Amino acid sequence: MKFTRRHDLDPQTRIDIVKDVWINQGIYGKMTQIAQDYHISRTFLYQLTWAAQHHLEMLFSDPQQIVIPSESLFEPLILLARLEGNCSIPSLSAILKRLEYQPNSVGYLSETFHAYGACAPSTLSMPHTQLVFYLSDEIFALQCPILVTLEAQSTAILKIQLASERSAPTWQSHFEELRDHHFQSIGLASDRGVGLVAGYQAACPEAIWVCDQFHEFQGIFKRCHQLERQAYRAIAREHERAKTFYNAKSEANLQKRLEQYERAQQTCEQAMAKYDQLDLLLQLLREALHFCSDLGQLRTVVGVRSELIAILTLIEEIEDSKLPDLLKPIWSHLDDLLVPFKQVESIHRDLLDLMPETVVEALVLAWHHDHLSHQSYGRKKRYHQRESQQWLDFAQGLLDDQFDRFKMLVFEKLDSIVKASSLVEMVNSLIRPFLNTCRGQITQETLNLIMFYHNHRRYKGGKRKGKAPIELLTGETLESDWIDLLIQRKRKAEQNASAAPTPPLELIPNDQNPTRPTQMPDEQLSLEDVADSAPRWPWVDAEAA
């Protein structure tokens, strides 16, 4: 919606507007009629009314009982409720009304968040070229795709885009814009989205692409869960048939129930055998995809290939009709699964040039258990933490003064290897509540706001605890929290907008009603334009709507 500044509304005209509203308040349709008579927007009309009511309350109230909320409370409150609390705008409006904060309308809050999102970028920019590894994915708002790209190590959102479609040219321009903002990609981990992969390969032909292992094996792990449920149902069926057999009285009925029990027992054994076999092989599959063995030896492409072929062959031999169809895409994409292990081989050669093999294996095992500890809970988590510390102590005894340097080197190199894009699902889970509260009607400004919040808020747990993604990406510590930074950015944008010269407005005479203010080309007024003439609430910034 477009608004135009009304310089022709003098203070007396504004007072007349408020008087008309005060006299006719509660009468259906009068507010719209007054707004049309004065050629103003209803937003401006309500703002004048709120301001007048506030100052009248201050004028006729006991000064000792007047409690004015702090100016620094209102904006942080609505930002925290909206972003940290995932509060919908109608719910936030209800909260503000209950707390007697004004303005509290849905329209005002929507425009305010839109203004915050407009001053936040949709693409991060770096002063110098930076090598990064991308994690990209798509999430849908109704029929419109949202294209998201993260940096793998810091989890910072580099670009978030509300697109009309997700074809290869759209993704190509997405990655090319990141390159224009000084991001140089060394690789991408994602699912097999046709447009995503084709667009990336067109924009970055020399970079590597890593298939996401979660999506590759999702079908076969889902089938394992199905077989588990079938096995439990078969056990319950066998137990039921056993009870029925014990309750039989006649000889003929006993024989019939016995046959039913034997068939249920046979079905149960088959179901349990299929689940146990698949579950065991999938556990071996997980271990085969680890970067190192239980002895700390980094895996090679040849070794992993042979292990995968053996495990997949054994899975095919399980008597289940759905497994062969699930294994077909895995067989065809086997080479893509081995891409991370090429990086492992290269890192292994580099490490052996710097330190003995025994030290390498000890530090690799320490990293391996530390990595698994972040994915485990309870006893298993404590077990991995103890194992990691024991191998670190062992390596420290061999290295002495060089321990810290070599430990940091090994951990950084192994952390740089990416074999899944599952971290991007974290951002998807951050966006989905906002899609639910707005019923899919999300805007680019809202996405910008989500991106700013994610990049500048500090993690409350995990290995990145106490650090914001933007700090991990740039290596620079933030001066304050994300709320203050966002408010400062909005203030700066407003100052730049007010400092910019505005062209003179052409007045259109109103011959039909000379007593009314002269009508402007657009008869509506923005909230930001009211600050120069309308009285304001003391806790709302005079320059902001």
Protein backbone atom coordinates (compact mmCIF):
# COMPACT_ATOMS: atom_id res chain seq x y z
CA MET A 1 0.00 0.00 0.00
CA LYS A 2 1.31 3.45 -0.95
CA PHE A 3 1.14 6.45 1.43
CA THR A 4 1.73 10.15 0.82
CA ARG A 5 2.87 12.80 3.31
CA ARG A 6 0.21 15.42 4.11
CA HIS A 7 1.92 18.75 4.81
CA ASP A 8 -1.37 20.65 4.48
CA LEU A 9 -2.89 19.27 7.70
CA ASP A 10 -2.28 22.02 10.26
CA PRO A 11 -2.68 21.45 14.05
CA GLN A 12 -6.20 22.93 14.10
CA THR A 13 -7.33 20.50 11.40
CA ARG A 14 -5.92 17.61 13.39
CA ILE A 15 -7.79 18.83 16.48
CA ASP A 16 -11.02 18.99 14.45
CA ILE A 17 -10.47 15.42 13.29
CA VAL A 18 -10.02 14.22 16.89
CA LYS A 19 -13.15 16.14 18.01
CA ASP A 20 -15.23 14.51 15.28
CA VAL A 21 -13.95 11.09 16.25
CA TRP A 22 -14.59 11.71 19.95
CA ILE A 23 -18.17 12.81 19.35
CA ASN A 24 -19.01 9.94 17.00
CA GLN A 25 -17.12 7.13 18.69
CA GLY A 26 -19.03 3.86 18.89
CA ILE A 27 -21.22 4.67 15.86
CA TYR A 28 -20.85 2.03 13.16
CA GLY A 29 -19.27 3.34 9.95
CA LYS A 30 -18.42 6.80 11.30
CA MET A 31 -14.66 6.23 11.39
CA THR A 32 -14.62 5.29 7.71
CA GLN A 33 -16.81 8.29 6.85
CA ILE A 34 -14.52 10.71 8.75
CA ALA A 35 -11.44 9.25 7.06
CA GLN A 36 -13.07 9.69 3.66
CA ASP A 37 -14.24 13.24 4.44
CA TYR A 38 -10.77 14.37 5.43
CA HIS A 39 -9.04 12.27 2.73
CA ILE A 40 -6.85 10.46 5.25
CA SER A 41 -6.16 6.83 6.04
CA ARG A 42 -7.88 5.12 8.95
CA THR A 43 -4.43 4.22 10.30
CA PHE A 44 -3.66 7.93 10.68
CA LEU A 45 -7.09 8.53 12.15
CA TYR A 46 -6.64 5.92 14.87
CA GLN A 47 -3.16 7.16 15.64
CA LEU A 48 -4.41 10.67 16.30
CA THR A 49 -7.13 9.24 18.54
CA TRP A 50 -4.67 7.14 20.55
CA ALA A 51 -2.33 10.09 21.00
CA ALA A 52 -5.15 12.36 22.13
CA GLN A 53 -6.48 9.80 24.62
CA HIS A 54 -2.99 9.26 26.04
CA HIS A 55 -2.37 12.96 26.64
CA LEU A 56 -5.83 13.50 28.08
CA GLU A 57 -5.27 10.67 30.53
CA MET A 58 -1.97 12.24 31.57
CA LEU A 59 -3.63 15.66 31.92
CA PHE A 60 -6.51 14.51 34.16
CA SER A 61 -4.72 11.78 36.14
CA ASP A 62 -2.82 11.93 39.39
CA PRO A 63 0.84 12.52 38.43
CA GLN A 64 2.01 10.13 41.16
CA GLN A 65 0.02 7.24 39.67
CA ILE A 66 1.16 7.65 36.08
CA VAL A 67 3.53 4.84 35.09
CA ILE A 68 5.08 5.33 31.66
CA PRO A 69 6.74 2.22 30.20
CA SER A 70 10.37 2.66 29.34
CA GLU A 71 11.12 3.57 25.74
CA SER A 72 13.58 0.68 25.58
CA LEU A 73 10.94 -1.91 26.56
CA PHE A 74 8.35 -1.83 23.80
CA GLU A 75 10.39 -2.79 20.74
CA PRO A 76 12.43 -5.52 22.50
CA LEU A 77 9.18 -6.93 23.87
CA ILE A 78 7.51 -7.35 20.49
CA LEU A 79 10.71 -8.66 18.87
CA LEU A 80 11.27 -11.23 21.60
CA ALA A 81 7.66 -12.38 21.51
CA ARG A 82 7.63 -12.66 17.73
CA LEU A 83 11.03 -14.27 17.08
CA GLU A 84 12.16 -15.89 20.32
CA GLY A 85 8.67 -16.93 21.39
CA ASN A 86 7.27 -17.77 17.91
CA CYS A 87 4.21 -15.71 18.77
CA SER A 88 1.77 -14.95 15.96
CA ILE A 89 0.92 -11.33 15.27
CA PRO A 90 -2.76 -11.65 16.39
CA SER A 91 -1.63 -13.33 19.62
CA LEU A 92 0.98 -10.63 20.18
CA SER A 93 -1.67 -7.98 19.64
CA ALA A 94 -3.83 -9.64 22.31
CA ILE A 95 -0.88 -9.70 24.74
CA LEU A 96 -0.17 -6.00 24.21
CA LYS A 97 -3.83 -5.13 24.73
CA ARG A 98 -3.86 -7.07 27.99
CA LEU A 99 -0.71 -5.26 29.13
CA GLU A 100 -2.28 -1.95 27.99
CA TYR A 101 0.52 -1.15 25.57
CA GLN A 102 -0.32 1.07 22.64
CA PRO A 103 -0.20 0.87 19.69
CA ASN A 104 -1.30 -2.74 19.75
CA SER A 105 -3.24 -3.33 16.52
CA VAL A 106 -2.48 -6.18 14.17
CA GLY A 107 -1.91 -3.73 11.31
CA TYR A 108 0.59 -1.68 13.29
CA LEU A 109 2.55 -4.74 14.37
CA SER A 110 2.55 -6.13 10.85
CA GLU A 111 3.89 -2.88 9.43
CA THR A 112 6.50 -2.67 12.20
CA PHE A 113 7.87 -6.16 11.52
CA HIS A 114 7.77 -5.41 7.80
CA ALA A 115 9.94 -2.34 8.44
CA TYR A 116 12.40 -4.39 10.49
CA GLY A 117 12.61 -7.02 7.77
CA ALA A 118 13.09 -4.39 5.07
CA CYS A 119 16.23 -3.08 6.77
CA ALA A 120 17.74 -6.57 7.14
CA PRO A 121 19.50 -8.12 4.12
CA SER A 122 18.42 -11.32 2.40
CA THR A 123 22.04 -12.10 1.45
CA LEU A 124 25.09 -11.81 3.67
CA SER A 125 28.03 -9.88 2.28
CA MET A 126 31.72 -10.23 3.15
CA PRO A 127 34.39 -7.55 2.68
CA HIS A 128 36.81 -10.10 1.20
CA THR A 129 36.47 -13.41 -0.60
CA GLN A 130 35.78 -16.27 1.80
CA LEU A 131 35.86 -20.01 1.07
CA VAL A 132 32.72 -21.74 2.32
CA PHE A 133 30.94 -25.07 2.04
CA TYR A 134 27.25 -24.71 1.23
CA LEU A 135 24.25 -26.56 2.68
CA SER A 136 21.14 -25.84 0.61
CA ASP A 137 17.52 -26.91 0.72
CA GLU A 138 13.98 -25.92 -0.23
CA ILE A 139 10.95 -25.39 1.97
CA PHE A 140 7.51 -24.49 0.66
CA ALA A 141 5.12 -21.71 1.68
CA LEU A 142 1.90 -22.81 0.01
CA GLN A 143 3.05 -23.15 -3.63
CA CYS A 144 6.09 -20.83 -3.38
CA PRO A 145 9.51 -22.35 -2.62
CA ILE A 146 11.86 -20.76 -0.10
CA LEU A 147 15.50 -21.29 -1.13
CA VAL A 148 17.90 -21.48 1.82
CA THR A 149 21.71 -21.72 1.82
CA LEU A 150 23.84 -22.16 4.96
CA GLU A 151 27.54 -22.23 5.67
CA ALA A 152 28.36 -25.70 6.99
CA GLN A 153 30.67 -24.91 9.92
CA SER A 154 29.07 -21.79 11.40
CA THR A 155 25.46 -22.68 10.38
CA ALA A 156 25.02 -19.02 9.35
CA ILE A 157 22.31 -18.41 6.75
CA LEU A 158 24.07 -16.89 3.75
CA LYS A 159 20.97 -16.31 1.65
CA ILE A 160 17.24 -16.86 2.03
CA GLN A 161 14.98 -16.24 -0.94
CA LEU A 162 11.25 -16.42 -1.58
CA ALA A 163 11.14 -17.57 -5.19
CA SER A 164 8.38 -18.16 -7.71
CA GLU A 165 9.81 -21.56 -8.74
CA ARG A 166 12.83 -23.78 -8.02
CA SER A 167 14.24 -24.44 -11.47
CA ALA A 168 17.93 -24.67 -12.34
CA PRO A 169 18.16 -21.01 -13.55
CA THR A 170 16.64 -19.78 -10.27
CA TRP A 171 19.17 -21.75 -8.21
CA GLN A 172 21.98 -20.67 -10.52
CA SER A 173 21.19 -16.98 -9.98
CA HIS A 174 20.89 -17.77 -6.25
CA PHE A 175 24.48 -19.09 -6.10
CA GLU A 176 25.81 -16.43 -8.47
CA GLU A 177 24.48 -13.71 -6.20
CA LEU A 178 26.33 -15.34 -3.30
CA ARG A 179 29.49 -15.25 -5.39
CA ASP A 180 28.92 -11.54 -6.05
CA HIS A 181 28.81 -11.07 -2.26
CA HIS A 182 32.34 -12.54 -1.97
CA PHE A 183 31.45 -16.14 -1.09
CA GLN A 184 33.43 -18.75 -3.00
CA SER A 185 32.05 -22.26 -2.74
CA ILE A 186 34.30 -25.30 -2.38
CA GLY A 187 31.34 -27.70 -2.27
CA LEU A 188 27.66 -28.26 -1.67
CA ALA A 189 25.79 -30.87 0.37
CA SER A 190 22.12 -31.30 -0.44
CA ASP A 191 19.43 -33.73 -1.45
CA ARG A 192 18.95 -34.70 -5.09
CA GLY A 193 16.70 -31.81 -6.04
CA VAL A 194 16.96 -31.59 -9.82
CA GLY A 195 16.94 -27.80 -10.05
CA LEU A 196 19.18 -27.37 -7.01
CA VAL A 197 21.95 -29.69 -8.23
CA ALA A 198 21.81 -28.49 -11.84
CA GLY A 199 21.83 -24.83 -10.79
CA TYR A 200 24.80 -25.33 -8.48
CA GLN A 201 26.82 -27.21 -11.08
CA ALA A 202 26.12 -24.43 -13.59
CA ALA A 203 27.17 -21.69 -11.14
CA CYS A 204 30.14 -23.54 -9.59
CA PRO A 205 31.34 -26.14 -12.14
CA GLU A 206 34.66 -26.79 -10.39
CA ALA A 207 33.27 -27.36 -6.88
CA ILE A 208 32.30 -30.76 -5.48
CA TRP A 209 28.79 -31.94 -4.71
CA VAL A 210 28.10 -34.24 -1.75
CA CYS A 211 24.86 -36.20 -1.62
CA ASP A 212 23.07 -36.07 1.71
CA GLN A 213 23.34 -39.45 3.41
CA PHE A 214 20.15 -38.85 5.38
CA HIS A 215 18.08 -38.63 2.20
CA GLU A 216 19.98 -41.46 0.50
CA PHE A 217 19.25 -44.02 3.22
CA GLN A 218 15.97 -42.58 4.51
CA GLY A 219 13.83 -45.14 2.70
CA ILE A 220 15.70 -48.19 3.95
CA PHE A 221 15.77 -46.97 7.57
CA LYS A 222 12.06 -46.22 7.35
CA ARG A 223 11.51 -49.79 6.14
CA CYS A 224 13.43 -51.04 9.19
CA HIS A 225 10.99 -49.21 11.47
CA GLN A 226 8.09 -50.75 9.57
CA LEU A 227 9.54 -54.25 10.02
CA GLU A 228 9.99 -53.54 13.73
CA ARG A 229 6.31 -52.64 14.10
CA GLN A 230 5.33 -55.73 12.12
CA ALA A 231 7.45 -57.90 14.44
CA TYR A 232 5.76 -56.45 17.54
CA ARG A 233 2.32 -57.03 16.02
CA ALA A 234 3.30 -60.63 15.21
CA ILE A 235 4.44 -61.15 18.82
CA ALA A 236 1.11 -59.82 20.10
CA ARG A 237 -0.73 -62.08 17.66
CA GLU A 238 1.22 -65.12 18.82
CA HIS A 239 0.45 -64.29 22.46
CA GLU A 240 -3.24 -63.91 21.61
CA ARG A 241 -3.31 -67.28 19.83
CA ALA A 242 -1.61 -68.93 22.81
CA LYS A 243 -4.32 -67.63 25.18
CA THR A 244 -7.02 -68.83 22.80
CA PHE A 245 -5.44 -72.30 22.73
CA TYR A 246 -5.34 -72.55 26.52
CA ASN A 247 -9.04 -71.64 26.73
CA ALA A 248 -10.15 -74.33 24.26
CA LYS A 249 -12.11 -77.29 25.76
CA SER A 250 -13.03 -79.85 23.10
CA GLU A 251 -10.51 -82.01 21.27
CA ALA A 252 -11.48 -80.65 17.84
CA ASN A 253 -11.26 -77.07 19.06
CA LEU A 254 -7.89 -77.77 20.70
CA GLN A 255 -6.47 -79.08 17.42
CA LYS A 256 -7.80 -76.09 15.47
CA ARG A 257 -6.41 -73.56 17.98
CA LEU A 258 -3.06 -75.38 18.03
CA GLU A 259 -2.74 -75.05 14.25
CA GLN A 260 -3.56 -71.35 14.48
CA TYR A 261 -0.95 -70.89 17.21
CA GLU A 262 1.73 -72.70 15.20
CA ARG A 263 1.07 -70.51 12.14
CA ALA A 264 1.20 -67.37 14.30
CA GLN A 265 4.45 -68.58 15.88
CA GLN A 266 6.00 -69.21 12.47
CA THR A 267 4.90 -65.78 11.20
CA CYS A 268 6.30 -64.17 14.35
CA GLU A 269 9.69 -65.86 13.95
CA GLN A 270 9.92 -64.75 10.33
CA ALA A 271 9.00 -61.16 11.17
CA MET A 272 11.51 -61.02 14.03
CA ALA A 273 14.23 -62.56 11.84
CA LYS A 274 13.71 -60.00 9.05
CA TYR A 275 13.82 -57.09 11.47
CA ASP A 276 16.86 -58.39 13.38
CA GLN A 277 18.81 -59.00 10.17
CA LEU A 278 18.06 -55.59 8.69
CA ASP A 279 18.70 -53.78 11.97
CA LEU A 280 22.09 -55.48 12.38
CA LEU A 281 23.13 -54.69 8.80
CA LEU A 282 22.06 -51.06 9.13
CA GLN A 283 24.17 -50.77 12.27
CA LEU A 284 27.13 -52.08 10.26
CA LEU A 285 26.23 -49.57 7.53
CA ARG A 286 26.40 -46.69 10.01
CA GLU A 287 29.83 -47.82 11.19
CA ALA A 288 31.07 -48.23 7.61
CA LEU A 289 30.20 -44.58 6.90
CA HIS A 290 32.23 -43.29 9.87
CA PHE A 291 35.42 -41.51 8.90
CA CYS A 292 37.55 -43.85 10.98
CA SER A 293 37.53 -47.41 12.29
CA ASP A 294 37.37 -48.40 15.96
CA LEU A 295 41.19 -48.40 15.96
CA GLY A 296 41.48 -44.82 14.74
CA GLN A 297 42.46 -45.66 11.16
CA LEU A 298 40.99 -43.20 8.67
CA ARG A 299 39.01 -44.99 6.00
CA THR A 300 39.84 -45.09 2.29
CA VAL A 301 37.56 -44.94 -0.73
CA VAL A 302 38.42 -48.52 -1.73
CA GLY A 303 37.78 -49.87 1.75
CA VAL A 304 34.45 -48.09 2.17
CA ARG A 305 33.31 -49.18 -1.28
CA SER A 306 34.00 -52.85 -0.52
CA GLU A 307 32.22 -52.63 2.85
CA LEU A 308 29.17 -50.95 1.33
CA ILE A 309 28.93 -53.51 -1.47
CA ALA A 310 29.09 -56.38 1.03
CA ILE A 311 26.47 -54.85 3.34
CA LEU A 312 24.07 -53.90 0.54
CA THR A 313 24.39 -57.39 -0.95
CA LEU A 314 23.43 -58.96 2.38
CA ILE A 315 20.47 -56.60 2.69
CA GLU A 316 19.24 -57.70 -0.72
CA GLU A 317 19.22 -61.31 0.44
CA ILE A 318 16.69 -60.56 3.20
CA GLU A 319 13.33 -62.00 2.22
CA ASP A 320 11.43 -58.74 1.89
CA SER A 321 9.74 -57.66 -1.34
CA LYS A 322 10.25 -53.90 -0.78
CA LEU A 323 13.99 -53.89 -0.08
CA PRO A 324 15.21 -54.43 -3.71
CA ASP A 325 13.30 -51.34 -4.91
CA LEU A 326 14.71 -49.26 -2.05
CA LEU A 327 18.26 -50.40 -2.83
CA LYS A 328 18.18 -49.55 -6.56
CA PRO A 329 18.88 -45.79 -6.18
CA ILE A 330 21.59 -46.51 -3.58
CA TRP A 331 23.38 -48.86 -6.01
CA SER A 332 23.20 -46.25 -8.77
CA HIS A 333 24.52 -43.47 -6.48
CA LEU A 334 27.27 -45.46 -4.81
CA ASP A 335 30.07 -43.25 -6.17
CA ASP A 336 28.40 -40.12 -4.78
CA LEU A 337 28.46 -41.64 -1.29
CA LEU A 338 32.25 -41.97 -1.49
CA VAL A 339 33.01 -38.29 -2.20
CA PRO A 340 33.68 -37.35 1.48
CA PHE A 341 36.17 -40.21 1.83
CA LYS A 342 38.30 -38.71 -0.92
CA GLN A 343 38.72 -35.73 1.40
CA VAL A 344 39.51 -38.14 4.26
CA GLU A 345 42.31 -39.73 2.24
CA SER A 346 43.80 -36.33 1.40
CA ILE A 347 43.67 -35.21 5.05
CA HIS A 348 45.26 -38.47 6.18
CA ARG A 349 48.25 -37.93 3.89
CA ASP A 350 48.68 -34.36 5.13
CA LEU A 351 48.56 -35.42 8.79
CA LEU A 352 51.11 -38.21 8.32
CA ASP A 353 53.56 -35.65 6.92
CA LEU A 354 53.34 -33.71 10.20
CA MET A 355 53.16 -36.34 12.97
CA PRO A 356 53.62 -40.09 13.60
CA GLU A 357 50.81 -42.47 12.69
CA THR A 358 50.24 -43.42 16.35
CA VAL A 359 49.55 -39.80 17.26
CA VAL A 360 47.28 -39.38 14.25
CA GLU A 361 45.18 -42.41 15.25
CA ALA A 362 44.92 -41.24 18.87
CA LEU A 363 43.77 -37.73 17.91
CA VAL A 364 41.39 -39.13 15.27
CA LEU A 365 39.78 -41.39 17.89
CA ALA A 366 39.51 -38.44 20.28
CA TRP A 367 37.75 -36.43 17.58
CA HIS A 368 35.54 -39.40 16.65
CA HIS A 369 34.23 -39.89 20.20
CA ASP A 370 33.86 -36.13 20.73
CA HIS A 371 31.82 -35.95 17.53
CA LEU A 372 29.57 -38.82 18.64
CA SER A 373 29.11 -37.33 22.11
CA HIS A 374 27.23 -34.37 20.60
CA GLN A 375 24.80 -36.81 18.97
CA SER A 376 24.22 -39.00 22.05
CA TYR A 377 22.42 -38.72 25.36
CA GLY A 378 22.66 -40.21 28.82
CA ARG A 379 25.12 -43.05 29.39
CA LYS A 380 26.21 -43.20 25.77
CA LYS A 381 27.09 -39.51 25.81
CA ARG A 382 29.19 -39.90 28.97
CA TYR A 383 30.89 -42.98 27.48
CA HIS A 384 32.00 -41.05 24.38
CA GLN A 385 33.18 -38.13 26.49
CA ARG A 386 35.35 -40.44 28.63
CA GLU A 387 36.78 -42.18 25.57
CA SER A 388 37.60 -38.87 23.92
CA GLN A 389 39.40 -37.59 27.02
CA GLN A 390 41.41 -40.83 27.39
CA TRP A 391 42.71 -40.63 23.83
CA LEU A 392 43.52 -36.95 24.29
CA ASP A 393 45.55 -37.79 27.40
CA PHE A 394 47.35 -40.52 25.48
CA ALA A 395 48.21 -38.14 22.61
CA GLN A 396 49.32 -35.43 25.05
CA GLY A 397 51.79 -37.85 26.61
CA LEU A 398 53.35 -38.40 23.18
CA LEU A 399 53.41 -34.79 22.00
CA ASP A 400 54.07 -32.65 25.11
CA ASP A 401 54.45 -29.04 23.96
CA GLN A 402 53.00 -29.59 20.47
CA PHE A 403 49.80 -31.19 21.71
CA ASP A 404 47.52 -28.13 21.52
CA ARG A 405 48.62 -27.20 18.01
CA PHE A 406 48.26 -30.73 16.60
CA LYS A 407 44.94 -31.33 18.35
CA MET A 408 43.50 -28.12 16.89
CA LEU A 409 44.81 -29.05 13.44
CA VAL A 410 43.29 -32.55 13.45
CA PHE A 411 39.93 -31.40 14.82
CA GLU A 412 39.64 -28.51 12.33
CA LYS A 413 40.50 -30.69 9.34
CA LEU A 414 38.04 -33.43 10.28
CA ASP A 415 35.32 -30.93 11.14
CA SER A 416 35.68 -29.41 7.67
CA ILE A 417 34.49 -32.65 6.00
CA VAL A 418 30.78 -32.54 5.20
CA LYS A 419 28.79 -35.67 4.39
CA ALA A 420 25.21 -34.53 5.14
CA SER A 421 23.04 -31.43 4.85
CA SER A 422 20.97 -32.24 7.93
CA LEU A 423 21.94 -28.94 9.60
CA VAL A 424 19.78 -27.10 7.07
CA GLU A 425 16.76 -28.85 8.59
CA MET A 426 17.42 -26.77 11.70
CA VAL A 427 16.65 -23.64 9.69
CA ASN A 428 13.59 -25.31 8.20
CA SER A 429 12.32 -26.02 11.71
CA LEU A 430 12.91 -22.34 12.53
CA ILE A 431 10.85 -21.18 9.54
CA ARG A 432 7.94 -23.63 9.83
CA PRO A 433 6.32 -22.07 12.96
CA PHE A 434 6.16 -18.73 11.15
CA LEU A 435 4.58 -20.43 8.14
CA ASN A 436 1.99 -21.96 10.46
CA THR A 437 1.13 -18.68 12.21
CA CYS A 438 0.70 -16.78 8.93
CA ARG A 439 -0.95 -19.72 7.10
CA GLY A 440 1.80 -19.79 4.49
CA GLN A 441 1.41 -16.11 3.52
CA ILE A 442 5.02 -15.23 4.27
CA THR A 443 6.95 -12.32 2.76
CA GLN A 444 10.58 -11.76 1.90
CA GLU A 445 10.81 -9.19 4.69
CA THR A 446 9.74 -11.80 7.25
CA LEU A 447 12.37 -14.19 5.91
CA ASN A 448 14.98 -11.44 6.21
CA LEU A 449 13.95 -10.95 9.82
CA ILE A 450 14.23 -14.69 10.54
CA MET A 451 17.65 -14.80 8.90
CA PHE A 452 18.92 -11.85 10.96
CA TYR A 453 17.59 -13.43 14.16
CA HIS A 454 19.20 -16.81 13.44
CA ASN A 455 22.57 -15.35 12.45
CA HIS A 456 22.89 -13.02 15.43
CA ARG A 457 21.35 -14.99 18.30
CA ARG A 458 23.76 -17.00 20.44
CA TYR A 459 23.33 -20.75 20.83
CA LYS A 460 22.15 -21.87 24.26
CA GLY A 461 23.67 -25.37 24.08
CA GLY A 462 25.79 -27.78 22.07
CA LYS A 463 29.34 -27.36 20.87
CA ARG A 464 28.54 -23.84 19.59
CA LYS A 465 27.14 -22.70 22.96
CA GLY A 466 27.60 -18.99 23.61
CA LYS A 467 28.47 -18.21 19.99
CA ALA A 468 26.32 -16.69 17.27
CA PRO A 469 26.54 -18.09 13.73
CA ILE A 470 27.75 -14.74 12.39
CA GLU A 471 30.55 -14.75 14.98
CA LEU A 472 31.65 -18.22 13.90
CA LEU A 473 31.56 -17.17 10.25
CA THR A 474 33.48 -13.90 10.55
CA GLY A 475 35.56 -14.58 13.66
CA GLU A 476 34.47 -11.21 15.10
CA THR A 477 32.63 -10.90 18.42
CA LEU A 478 29.28 -9.11 18.36
CA GLU A 479 29.16 -5.92 20.39
CA SER A 480 25.62 -6.57 21.69
CA ASP A 481 22.76 -9.02 21.33
CA TRP A 482 20.58 -9.42 18.25
CA ILE A 483 17.75 -7.21 19.51
CA ASP A 484 19.95 -4.14 19.99
CA LEU A 485 21.68 -4.76 16.66
CA LEU A 486 18.36 -5.01 14.82
CA ILE A 487 16.97 -1.86 16.45
CA GLN A 488 20.17 0.03 15.63
CA ARG A 489 19.95 -1.13 12.03
CA LYS A 490 16.35 0.09 11.77
CA ARG A 491 17.22 3.44 13.34
CA LYS A 492 20.05 3.89 10.85
CA ALA A 493 17.79 3.03 7.92
CA GLU A 494 15.22 5.58 9.12
CA GLN A 495 17.87 8.27 9.48
CA ASN A 496 19.14 7.63 5.98
CA ALA A 497 15.59 7.75 4.63
CA SER A 498 14.83 11.03 6.40
CA ALA A 499 18.11 12.56 5.25
CA ALA A 500 17.38 11.77 1.61
CA PRO A 501 15.81 14.71 -0.31
CA THR A 502 12.11 14.29 -1.13
CA PRO A 503 10.59 15.78 -4.31
CA PRO A 504 7.94 18.48 -3.81
CA LEU A 505 4.36 17.26 -3.83
CA GLU A 506 1.88 18.69 -6.29
CA LEU A 507 -1.27 19.93 -4.65
CA ILE A 508 -4.60 19.19 -6.28
CA PRO A 509 -7.28 21.79 -5.46
CA ASN A 510 -10.54 20.53 -4.08
CA ASP A 511 -13.27 22.78 -5.49
CA GLN A 512 -16.16 20.69 -4.29
CA ASN A 513 -15.47 21.15 -0.58
CA PRO A 514 -13.18 24.14 0.16
CA THR A 515 -13.57 23.72 3.90
CA ARG A 516 -11.74 20.39 3.79
CA PRO A 517 -7.98 20.01 3.45
CA THR A 518 -6.61 19.94 -0.08
CA GLN A 519 -6.60 16.41 -1.48
CA MET A 520 -3.25 14.85 -2.30
CA PRO A 521 -2.45 12.46 -5.18
CA ASP A 522 -2.63 9.56 -2.72
CA GLU A 523 -4.96 10.18 0.20
CA GLN A 524 -3.29 7.89 2.69
CA LEU A 525 -0.53 8.51 5.15
CA SER A 526 2.21 6.25 6.44
CA LEU A 527 2.84 5.79 10.14
CA GLU A 528 6.39 7.06 9.67
CA ASP A 529 5.07 10.34 8.26
CA VAL A 530 2.97 11.22 11.29
CA ALA A 531 5.87 11.82 13.68
CA ASP A 532 6.41 15.45 12.64
CA SER A 533 2.96 16.65 13.62
CA ALA A 534 1.02 14.13 15.71
CA PRO A 535 1.61 13.70 19.46
CA ARG A 536 3.38 10.47 20.31
CA TRP A 537 3.55 7.98 23.15
CA PRO A 538 6.67 8.61 25.22
CA TRP A 539 7.91 5.02 24.96
CA VAL A 540 7.68 4.85 21.14
CA ASP A 541 10.51 6.39 19.14
CA ALA A 542 9.55 9.66 17.51
CA GLU A 543 10.94 8.59 14.16
CA ALA A 544 9.45 5.10 14.02
CA ALA A 545 5.97 3.86 13.40
